[in-house]
Protein backbone atom coordinates (compact mmCIF):
# COMPACT_ATOMS: atom_id res chain seq x y z
CA MET A 1 -5.49 42.77 -34.56
CA ARG A 2 -3.76 44.70 -31.73
CA ARG A 3 -0.02 44.66 -31.63
CA PRO A 4 1.37 43.45 -28.32
CA ARG A 5 2.73 46.04 -26.06
CA ASP A 6 5.62 45.93 -23.68
CA ASP A 7 3.23 45.57 -20.82
CA ASP A 8 2.02 42.25 -22.21
CA TYR A 9 5.51 40.71 -21.41
CA ARG A 10 5.76 41.86 -17.86
CA PRO A 11 4.98 39.40 -15.03
CA GLN A 12 1.28 39.24 -14.30
CA PRO A 13 -0.10 39.49 -10.78
CA GLY A 14 -0.10 36.22 -8.90
CA HIS A 15 2.74 34.69 -11.10
CA ALA A 16 6.33 34.53 -9.98
CA ARG A 17 9.10 35.78 -12.24
CA GLN A 18 10.95 32.72 -13.58
CA LYS A 19 14.76 32.98 -13.73
CA ARG A 20 16.67 31.55 -16.58
CA LEU A 21 18.92 28.59 -15.74
CA GLU A 22 22.42 28.97 -17.03
CA GLY A 23 25.47 26.81 -17.58
CA TRP A 24 25.82 23.55 -15.55
CA LYS A 25 22.45 24.28 -13.69
CA PHE A 26 20.66 24.05 -16.99
CA VAL A 27 22.47 20.84 -17.96
CA ALA A 28 21.71 19.33 -14.52
CA ALA A 29 18.05 20.22 -14.78
CA ILE A 30 17.70 18.61 -18.18
CA SER A 31 19.63 15.54 -17.13
CA GLY A 32 17.41 15.09 -14.15
CA LEU A 33 14.32 15.29 -16.34
CA VAL A 34 15.83 12.73 -18.77
CA ILE A 35 16.86 10.28 -16.04
CA THR A 36 13.43 10.54 -14.32
CA SER A 37 11.72 9.94 -17.68
CA LEU A 38 13.88 6.92 -18.39
CA VAL A 39 13.24 5.45 -14.86
CA VAL A 40 9.52 5.86 -15.27
CA THR A 41 9.55 4.49 -18.79
CA ALA A 42 11.74 1.54 -17.77
CA GLY A 43 9.35 0.78 -14.87
CA MET A 44 6.41 0.77 -17.20
CA ILE A 45 8.19 -1.52 -19.69
CA VAL A 46 9.21 -3.93 -16.94
CA GLY A 47 5.74 -3.86 -15.44
CA TRP A 48 4.14 -4.46 -18.84
CA THR A 49 6.60 -7.29 -19.53
CA VAL A 50 6.00 -9.04 -16.18
CA THR A 51 2.22 -8.66 -16.60
CA ASN A 52 2.29 -9.87 -20.13
CA LEU A 53 4.52 -12.79 -19.28
CA THR A 54 2.33 -13.72 -16.30
CA THR A 55 -0.79 -13.71 -18.40
CA SER A 56 0.91 -15.93 -21.02
CA ILE A 57 2.06 -18.62 -18.60
CA GLN A 58 0.58 -22.03 -19.28
CA THR A 59 -1.23 -23.23 -16.18
CA ILE A 60 -3.13 -26.37 -15.04
CA GLU A 61 -5.59 -26.43 -12.11
CA LEU A 62 -4.86 -28.69 -9.14
CA PRO A 63 -8.34 -29.57 -7.88
CA GLY A 64 -8.97 -28.70 -4.28
CA HIS A 65 -6.08 -26.22 -3.86
CA GLU A 66 -6.54 -22.48 -3.59
CA GLU A 67 -4.30 -19.93 -5.23
CA PRO A 68 -2.07 -18.00 -2.77
CA ALA A 69 -3.03 -14.35 -2.07
CA LEU A 70 0.18 -12.32 -2.68
CA ALA A 71 0.15 -8.63 -3.36
CA GLY A 72 3.80 -8.69 -4.27
CA VAL A 73 7.17 -10.19 -3.46
CA GLY A 74 7.74 -10.50 0.32
CA GLU A 75 8.43 -12.97 3.10
CA TRP A 76 6.62 -16.28 2.53
CA GLU A 77 4.72 -17.30 5.59
CA GLY A 78 4.65 -21.01 6.64
CA GLY A 79 5.87 -24.12 4.85
CA PHE A 80 4.97 -25.41 1.41
CA ASN A 81 5.35 -28.41 -0.93
CA VAL A 82 6.23 -28.13 -4.57
CA LEU A 83 6.12 -30.97 -7.09
CA VAL A 84 8.52 -30.77 -10.04
CA VAL A 85 7.93 -33.28 -12.82
CA GLY A 86 10.33 -33.96 -15.63
CA SER A 87 8.61 -35.07 -18.84
CA ASP A 88 10.26 -37.27 -21.47
CA THR A 89 8.17 -35.82 -24.32
CA ARG A 90 9.85 -35.23 -27.64
CA VAL A 91 7.17 -32.85 -28.96
CA GLY A 92 8.75 -29.53 -29.76
CA GLN A 93 12.10 -30.51 -28.32
CA GLY A 94 14.10 -30.99 -31.52
CA ASP A 95 15.37 -33.95 -33.50
CA GLN A 96 18.35 -34.57 -31.26
CA PHE A 97 16.24 -36.41 -28.74
CA GLY A 98 14.78 -38.94 -31.14
CA GLU A 99 11.21 -40.19 -30.92
CA THR A 100 9.15 -42.00 -28.27
CA ASP A 101 5.64 -43.21 -28.01
CA GLY A 102 3.47 -41.34 -25.43
CA GLU A 103 4.76 -39.26 -22.56
CA LEU A 104 6.03 -40.33 -19.16
CA ASN A 105 6.85 -38.52 -15.95
CA ASP A 106 10.39 -39.91 -15.60
CA VAL A 107 11.56 -37.39 -12.97
CA ASN A 108 9.46 -36.75 -9.88
CA LEU A 109 10.77 -34.32 -7.22
CA LEU A 110 8.83 -33.13 -4.19
CA VAL A 111 10.33 -30.10 -2.40
CA HIS A 112 9.19 -29.66 1.22
CA VAL A 113 10.12 -26.43 3.08
CA ALA A 114 9.50 -26.53 6.85
CA GLU A 115 7.02 -24.14 8.56
CA ASN A 116 9.71 -21.96 10.03
CA HIS A 117 12.06 -22.13 7.08
CA ASP A 118 14.84 -23.73 9.08
CA HIS A 119 15.22 -26.91 6.94
CA ALA A 120 14.04 -28.39 3.60
CA THR A 121 13.85 -31.78 2.04
CA VAL A 122 13.89 -32.71 -1.74
CA ILE A 123 12.45 -36.18 -2.26
CA SER A 124 13.36 -38.07 -5.52
CA PHE A 125 10.69 -40.81 -6.27
CA PRO A 126 12.09 -43.67 -8.45
CA ARG A 127 10.11 -43.67 -11.72
CA ASP A 128 9.59 -47.46 -11.50
CA THR A 129 8.02 -47.45 -8.05
CA LEU A 130 4.78 -49.47 -8.00
CA VAL A 131 2.10 -47.32 -6.44
CA ASP A 132 -1.62 -47.07 -5.98
CA VAL A 133 -3.21 -44.57 -8.39
CA PRO A 134 -6.46 -42.99 -7.29
CA GLY A 135 -9.22 -42.05 -9.67
CA CYS A 136 -8.00 -39.02 -11.76
CA GLU A 137 -10.10 -36.54 -13.55
CA GLN A 138 -10.21 -36.98 -17.35
CA GLU A 139 -10.73 -34.39 -20.08
CA ASP A 140 -14.43 -35.16 -20.29
CA GLY A 141 -14.83 -34.69 -16.49
CA SER A 142 -15.14 -38.39 -15.64
CA LEU A 143 -12.76 -40.15 -13.24
CA SER A 144 -10.35 -42.89 -14.26
CA SER A 145 -10.52 -46.24 -12.50
CA GLU A 146 -8.37 -46.77 -9.52
CA ARG A 147 -5.21 -48.81 -10.10
CA THR A 148 -2.81 -50.77 -7.99
CA MET A 149 0.84 -51.73 -8.55
CA THR A 150 1.17 -49.19 -11.30
CA PRO A 151 4.58 -47.67 -12.16
CA LEU A 152 4.78 -44.09 -10.97
CA ASN A 153 5.94 -42.78 -14.44
CA GLN A 154 2.62 -43.85 -16.01
CA THR A 155 0.45 -41.56 -13.91
CA TRP A 156 0.98 -38.66 -16.30
CA SER A 157 -0.60 -40.59 -19.15
CA ILE A 158 -3.55 -41.43 -16.87
CA GLY A 159 -4.45 -37.84 -15.84
CA GLY A 160 -1.58 -35.41 -16.39
CA LEU A 161 0.10 -33.32 -13.70
CA PRO A 162 -2.94 -33.34 -11.32
CA CYS A 163 -2.87 -37.14 -11.30
CA VAL A 164 0.86 -37.26 -10.49
CA ALA A 165 0.27 -34.77 -7.61
CA LYS A 166 -2.69 -36.70 -6.35
CA THR A 167 -0.89 -40.03 -6.44
CA LEU A 168 2.04 -38.66 -4.47
CA GLU A 169 -0.28 -36.93 -2.01
CA ASN A 170 -1.73 -40.38 -1.24
CA LEU A 171 1.68 -41.96 -1.05
CA THR A 172 3.34 -39.37 1.23
CA GLY A 173 0.45 -37.86 3.27
CA LEU A 174 1.71 -34.39 2.22
CA GLU A 175 -0.62 -31.85 0.61
CA ILE A 176 0.82 -30.73 -2.74
CA GLY A 177 -0.55 -27.31 -3.56
CA TYR A 178 2.14 -26.23 -6.18
CA ALA A 179 3.41 -28.19 -9.10
CA GLY A 180 5.12 -27.71 -12.48
CA VAL A 181 6.32 -29.84 -15.34
CA MET A 182 9.59 -29.26 -17.22
CA THR A 183 10.72 -30.59 -20.61
CA PHE A 184 14.27 -31.29 -21.94
CA THR A 185 14.80 -27.86 -23.42
CA GLY A 186 13.52 -26.13 -20.23
CA VAL A 187 16.14 -27.95 -18.11
CA ALA A 188 18.90 -26.84 -20.50
CA GLN A 189 17.75 -23.26 -20.49
CA LEU A 190 17.35 -23.00 -16.73
CA SER A 191 20.93 -24.35 -16.23
CA THR A 192 22.16 -21.52 -18.44
CA ALA A 193 20.10 -18.96 -16.65
CA VAL A 194 21.78 -19.73 -13.38
CA GLY A 195 25.22 -19.48 -14.91
CA GLY A 196 26.12 -23.11 -15.06
CA VAL A 197 26.67 -25.66 -12.26
CA GLU A 198 29.97 -27.18 -11.30
CA VAL A 199 29.75 -30.92 -10.84
CA CYS A 200 32.30 -33.62 -10.04
CA ILE A 201 32.82 -37.01 -11.71
CA ASN A 202 35.21 -39.68 -10.32
CA GLU A 203 36.12 -40.98 -13.84
CA PRO A 204 35.44 -39.90 -17.42
CA ILE A 205 31.82 -40.29 -18.60
CA VAL A 206 31.01 -40.55 -22.23
CA ASP A 207 27.44 -41.60 -22.82
CA PRO A 208 26.18 -41.62 -26.46
CA TRP A 209 22.63 -42.31 -25.33
CA SER A 210 22.28 -39.04 -23.44
CA GLY A 211 24.94 -37.17 -25.29
CA LEU A 212 27.06 -36.54 -22.12
CA ASN A 213 30.78 -36.08 -23.01
CA LEU A 214 33.05 -35.54 -20.07
CA PRO A 215 36.42 -37.12 -21.10
CA GLU A 216 38.31 -36.22 -17.85
CA ALA A 217 37.63 -36.95 -14.27
CA GLY A 218 37.31 -33.97 -11.87
CA TYR A 219 35.11 -30.87 -11.85
CA HIS A 220 33.13 -29.57 -14.80
CA THR A 221 30.88 -26.51 -15.16
CA LEU A 222 27.86 -27.65 -16.96
CA GLU A 223 25.04 -25.65 -18.66
CA GLY A 224 22.69 -25.97 -21.62
CA GLY A 225 22.84 -29.34 -23.40
CA GLN A 226 25.62 -30.83 -21.35
CA ALA A 227 23.72 -30.09 -18.05
CA LEU A 228 20.65 -31.77 -19.51
CA ALA A 229 22.71 -34.79 -20.66
CA PHE A 230 24.22 -35.09 -17.15
CA LEU A 231 20.78 -35.24 -15.57
CA ARG A 232 19.51 -37.66 -18.20
CA THR A 233 22.39 -40.07 -18.22
CA ARG A 234 21.54 -43.50 -16.76
CA LYS A 235 23.78 -45.89 -18.52
CA GLY A 236 26.75 -43.60 -17.82
CA VAL A 237 26.59 -43.68 -14.05
CA GLY A 238 26.66 -46.28 -11.29
CA ASP A 239 25.11 -49.65 -12.28
CA GLY A 240 23.04 -48.03 -15.05
CA SER A 241 19.79 -48.13 -13.07
CA ASP A 242 17.29 -45.34 -12.39
CA LEU A 243 18.28 -45.40 -8.75
CA ALA A 244 21.87 -44.64 -9.80
CA ARG A 245 20.68 -41.77 -11.96
CA ILE A 246 18.80 -40.32 -8.94
CA SER A 247 21.96 -40.15 -6.80
CA SER A 248 23.98 -38.45 -9.67
CA GLN A 249 21.09 -36.04 -10.08
CA GLN A 250 21.47 -35.23 -6.38
CA VAL A 251 25.18 -34.50 -7.08
CA TYR A 252 23.96 -31.79 -9.49
CA MET A 253 21.14 -30.49 -7.30
CA SER A 254 23.34 -30.08 -4.22
CA ALA A 255 25.93 -28.26 -6.27
CA LEU A 256 23.22 -26.08 -7.68
CA VAL A 257 22.13 -25.00 -4.17
CA ARG A 258 25.74 -24.26 -3.20
CA THR A 259 26.09 -22.15 -6.39
CA LEU A 260 22.96 -20.15 -5.64
CA GLN A 261 24.04 -19.48 -2.05
CA ALA A 262 27.66 -18.62 -2.91
CA ASP A 263 26.60 -16.23 -5.73
CA GLY A 264 23.95 -14.54 -3.55
CA VAL A 265 21.26 -15.30 -6.03
CA LEU A 266 18.64 -16.01 -3.45
CA ASN A 267 19.09 -12.50 -2.06
CA ASP A 268 19.00 -10.88 -5.46
CA VAL A 269 15.38 -10.16 -6.52
CA THR A 270 16.44 -8.99 -9.96
CA ARG A 271 18.25 -12.34 -10.73
CA LEU A 272 15.48 -14.28 -9.18
CA TYR A 273 12.98 -12.68 -11.44
CA SER A 274 15.23 -13.38 -14.44
CA ILE A 275 15.34 -17.03 -13.53
CA ALA A 276 11.58 -17.15 -12.77
CA GLN A 277 10.86 -15.80 -16.25
CA VAL A 278 12.97 -18.59 -17.89
CA ALA A 279 11.09 -21.12 -15.76
CA ALA A 280 7.68 -19.59 -16.66
CA GLN A 281 8.57 -19.64 -20.38
CA ASN A 282 9.68 -23.25 -20.31
CA MET A 283 7.21 -24.93 -17.90
CA VAL A 284 3.56 -25.72 -17.55
CA LEU A 285 2.64 -24.72 -13.94
CA SER A 286 -0.21 -25.23 -11.61
CA SER A 287 -2.40 -22.08 -11.40
CA SER A 288 -1.24 -21.72 -7.79
CA LEU A 289 2.44 -21.43 -9.03
CA GLY A 290 1.66 -19.35 -12.18
CA SER A 291 2.92 -16.14 -10.88
CA LEU A 292 6.46 -14.74 -10.89
CA ASP A 293 5.83 -13.17 -7.43
CA VAL A 294 5.00 -16.56 -6.05
CA MET A 295 8.12 -18.22 -7.47
CA VAL A 296 10.46 -15.49 -6.30
CA SER A 297 8.93 -15.47 -2.79
CA MET A 298 9.35 -19.23 -2.54
CA ALA A 299 13.05 -18.99 -3.60
CA GLN A 300 13.61 -16.24 -1.01
CA ALA A 301 12.28 -18.60 1.68
CA LEU A 302 15.31 -20.83 1.08
CA ARG A 303 17.97 -18.14 1.48
CA ASN A 304 18.54 -18.51 5.31
CA ILE A 305 18.40 -22.34 5.44
CA PRO A 306 22.00 -23.71 6.18
CA ASN A 307 23.22 -26.13 3.44
CA GLU A 308 23.53 -28.88 5.94
CA ASN A 309 19.74 -28.56 6.59
CA ILE A 310 18.79 -28.93 2.87
CA VAL A 311 18.58 -32.75 2.43
CA PHE A 312 18.16 -34.62 -0.82
CA ILE A 313 16.79 -38.13 -0.33
CA GLN A 314 15.56 -41.03 -2.44
CA TYR A 315 12.15 -42.21 -1.43
CA PRO A 316 12.79 -45.49 0.42
CA VAL A 317 12.06 -48.48 -1.74
CA LEU A 318 12.62 -52.21 -1.86
CA ASP A 319 12.88 -54.67 -4.81
CA ALA A 320 9.46 -55.58 -6.16
CA PRO A 321 8.24 -59.21 -6.27
CA ALA A 322 9.55 -61.40 -9.04
CA ASP A 323 6.42 -60.91 -11.03
CA TYR A 324 7.52 -57.28 -11.56
CA PRO A 325 11.10 -57.45 -12.81
CA GLY A 326 13.02 -54.23 -12.63
CA LYS A 327 10.50 -52.44 -10.52
CA VAL A 328 10.54 -51.36 -6.82
CA ILE A 329 7.95 -50.92 -4.11
CA PRO A 330 7.79 -48.47 -1.17
CA ASP A 331 9.78 -49.57 1.99
CA PRO A 332 6.83 -49.51 4.44
CA VAL A 333 8.90 -49.09 7.56
CA LEU A 334 11.60 -46.54 6.51
CA ALA A 335 9.13 -44.56 4.34
CA ALA A 336 6.76 -44.26 7.26
CA GLU A 337 9.56 -43.04 9.60
CA VAL A 338 10.83 -40.34 7.20
CA MET A 339 7.42 -39.10 6.10
CA GLU A 340 6.33 -38.74 9.71
CA ARG A 341 9.26 -36.51 10.36
CA ILE A 342 8.69 -34.50 7.27
CA GLN A 343 4.98 -34.05 8.11
CA GLN A 344 5.74 -32.87 11.63
CA ASP A 345 8.77 -30.70 10.47
CA VAL A 346 11.19 -32.67 12.75
CA LEU A 347 14.82 -31.94 11.82
CA TYR A 348 16.70 -35.05 10.74
CA THR A 349 19.88 -35.93 8.89
CA LEU A 350 21.53 -38.78 7.09
CA ALA A 351 23.92 -41.34 8.30
CA ASP A 352 27.53 -41.45 7.17
CA ASN A 353 28.20 -43.13 3.74
CA SER A 354 24.59 -42.68 2.61
CA SER A 355 25.47 -41.92 -1.03
CA GLY A 356 23.45 -43.87 -3.54
CA ARG A 357 24.54 -46.10 -6.36
CA GLY A 358 25.62 -43.21 -8.66
CA SER A 359 27.60 -41.02 -6.28
CA THR A 360 30.48 -40.93 -3.82
CA ALA A 361 32.26 -38.46 -1.56
CA ALA A 362 34.65 -36.19 -3.47
CA PRO A 363 38.32 -37.17 -3.15
CA ASP A 364 39.32 -33.97 -1.41
CA THR A 365 36.65 -34.36 1.26
CA GLU A 366 37.74 -37.94 1.84
CA ASP A 367 41.33 -36.86 2.17
CA ASN A 368 40.42 -34.14 4.69
CA ALA A 369 38.42 -36.59 6.75
CA GLU A 370 41.32 -39.06 6.84
CA SER A 371 43.92 -36.53 7.66
CA ALA A 372 41.88 -34.89 10.39
CA GLU A 373 43.42 -35.55 13.80
CA PRO A 374 41.15 -36.62 16.59
CA ALA A 375 40.42 -33.94 19.14
CA PRO A 376 42.45 -34.37 22.34
CA GLU A 377 40.46 -36.00 25.17
CA GLU A 378 39.30 -33.59 27.83
CA THR A 379 40.95 -34.26 31.14
CA THR A 380 39.87 -33.01 34.56
CA PRO A 381 42.66 -31.03 36.09
CA ALA A 382 44.11 -32.45 39.37
CA ASP A 383 42.92 -30.80 42.53
CA PRO A 384 45.52 -28.31 43.72
CA GLU A 385 47.51 -29.18 46.86
CA PRO A 386 45.77 -27.86 49.98
CA ASP A 387 47.30 -24.77 51.45
CA SER A 388 48.70 -25.66 54.81
CA THR A 389 48.81 -22.00 55.94
CA PRO A 390 46.36 -21.59 58.74
CA VAL A 391 43.53 -19.09 58.11
CA PRO A 392 42.26 -16.89 60.93
CA ASP A 393 38.67 -17.54 61.97
CA GLU A 394 37.74 -13.99 61.20
CA GLU A 395 38.72 -14.22 57.57
CA VAL A 396 36.91 -17.54 57.14
CA SER A 397 33.68 -16.07 58.39
CA GLU A 398 33.97 -13.05 56.14
CA ALA A 399 34.56 -15.16 53.11
CA GLU A 400 31.57 -17.35 53.81
CA SER A 401 29.33 -14.40 54.29
CA ALA A 402 30.44 -12.54 51.08
CA PRO A 403 27.52 -11.55 48.80
CA SER A 404 27.12 -13.35 45.44
CA GLU A 405 28.70 -11.66 42.38
CA THR A 406 25.52 -12.25 40.34
CA PRO A 407 24.07 -8.72 39.57
CA ASN A 408 20.77 -7.81 41.06
CA ASP A 409 20.65 -11.10 42.86
CA GLU A 410 19.39 -12.75 39.70
CA GLU A 411 20.22 -16.36 38.86
CA PRO A 412 22.17 -16.77 35.62
CA THR A 413 19.96 -17.56 32.61
CA PRO A 414 20.61 -21.17 31.44
CA GLU A 415 21.63 -21.56 27.80
CA GLU A 416 18.89 -22.89 25.53
CA PRO A 417 19.53 -26.49 24.37
CA ILE A 418 20.66 -26.84 20.79
CA THR A 419 18.38 -29.09 18.76
CA GLN A 420 20.35 -31.89 17.25
CA ALA A 421 19.24 -33.42 13.99
CA GLU A 422 18.24 -37.05 14.38
CA VAL A 423 20.20 -39.47 12.23
CA LEU A 424 17.93 -41.75 10.07
CA GLU A 425 19.69 -44.89 9.26
CA GLY A 426 19.13 -46.50 5.87
CA LEU A 427 18.13 -43.38 3.93
CA VAL A 428 19.95 -42.86 0.60
CA GLY A 429 20.86 -39.26 -0.34
CA GLN A 430 23.04 -36.30 0.73
CA THR A 431 22.83 -32.69 2.01
CA ALA A 432 23.57 -29.61 0.06
CA ASP A 433 26.65 -29.28 2.22
CA ASP A 434 28.09 -32.69 1.05
CA VAL A 435 30.49 -32.28 -1.96
CA THR A 436 30.10 -35.47 -3.95
CA CYS A 437 31.07 -36.93 -7.42
CA ALA A 438 29.00 -38.85 -9.81
CA VAL A 439 30.35 -42.42 -10.19
CA ALA A 440 31.05 -43.49 -13.76
CA ASN A 441 29.55 -46.79 -14.98
């Protein structure tokens, strides 16, 4: 074998001589390579995690609804309706919730976001509302028989999430293309993921049935088990009815919106993905909603809506006939009025003192309203005394013939009229801008 000569170590034609990096330049170069490698590796890990999580999401088909075509997170175009169902199942929830026969959809929320994203409505449907249930697809492919005067919370047992969505579509006239069901533990974990929610109670609430233990009136930051207990409590608020529980749940939901807005969560894609991951791991979703990108894009659609334009309402109901004790039926007049406005994306708001059976205005907001002084009445200033000094005819003619001060002889552009939200009398609920307290039983 030939021994290498000195010429073998000289630069070869076509190759540049490489200089040796010394001192801080060498350290900087190595650091740059390390950082670049870490970023690339982290990106691969995050991408793998999101992809793996997305493929492991439990989904259910909503017949007749196509999945959205999203290449990634971006501005959501148009309006949408999302159904969120709260299940009372005890399966896999732990021993602390006891046992129950079957599974009911005890919480039914429909979120409607307007086409131009300038307002949103969250409708809470009382679980004991007697509704018409259409034929729902069964596991064997057959359809269940149509039913009338059936409690809403029984639709889950008839045909699962698709049946709840189909029933509410028929009731409201809204197309429900997205839906998800959440269990007790999912609610608790989501409340922790957002960092807790500060709610107000007017008096101490200690409810052994739900596990809620708030021994002092005032504001409490709730997360985990206590947040779940607050949302579940029925005997602890108002008159102990499901309608009272709906209004206390609206206290929580409006406070949640204010928290997300104040903390900038809706503008923080990283935090939104973190929350979406918790939701995906703890919910069963429609296939149309079974994507983190979809959930994050929907959340971002809410970020520019003013709190006063996010309205939480209870679906209008009346007491059911005596043959159905403890049940309610849809209010045909008021329900038709509000649903027509929601379908047409007409801005509306609630009348004063529209809180339900389980909520009231917070004391500090009441004090501010009482102490606010009425604005002084506008008065028309008196006409000035006419000047008795005679004006020469030449000056008068010059003043009358002076050109207008409007530039380019253009008429001033009139201001666009401000759209005022129509007040719907009789609706029960509140806006996200209203600070309210749950009323103790």
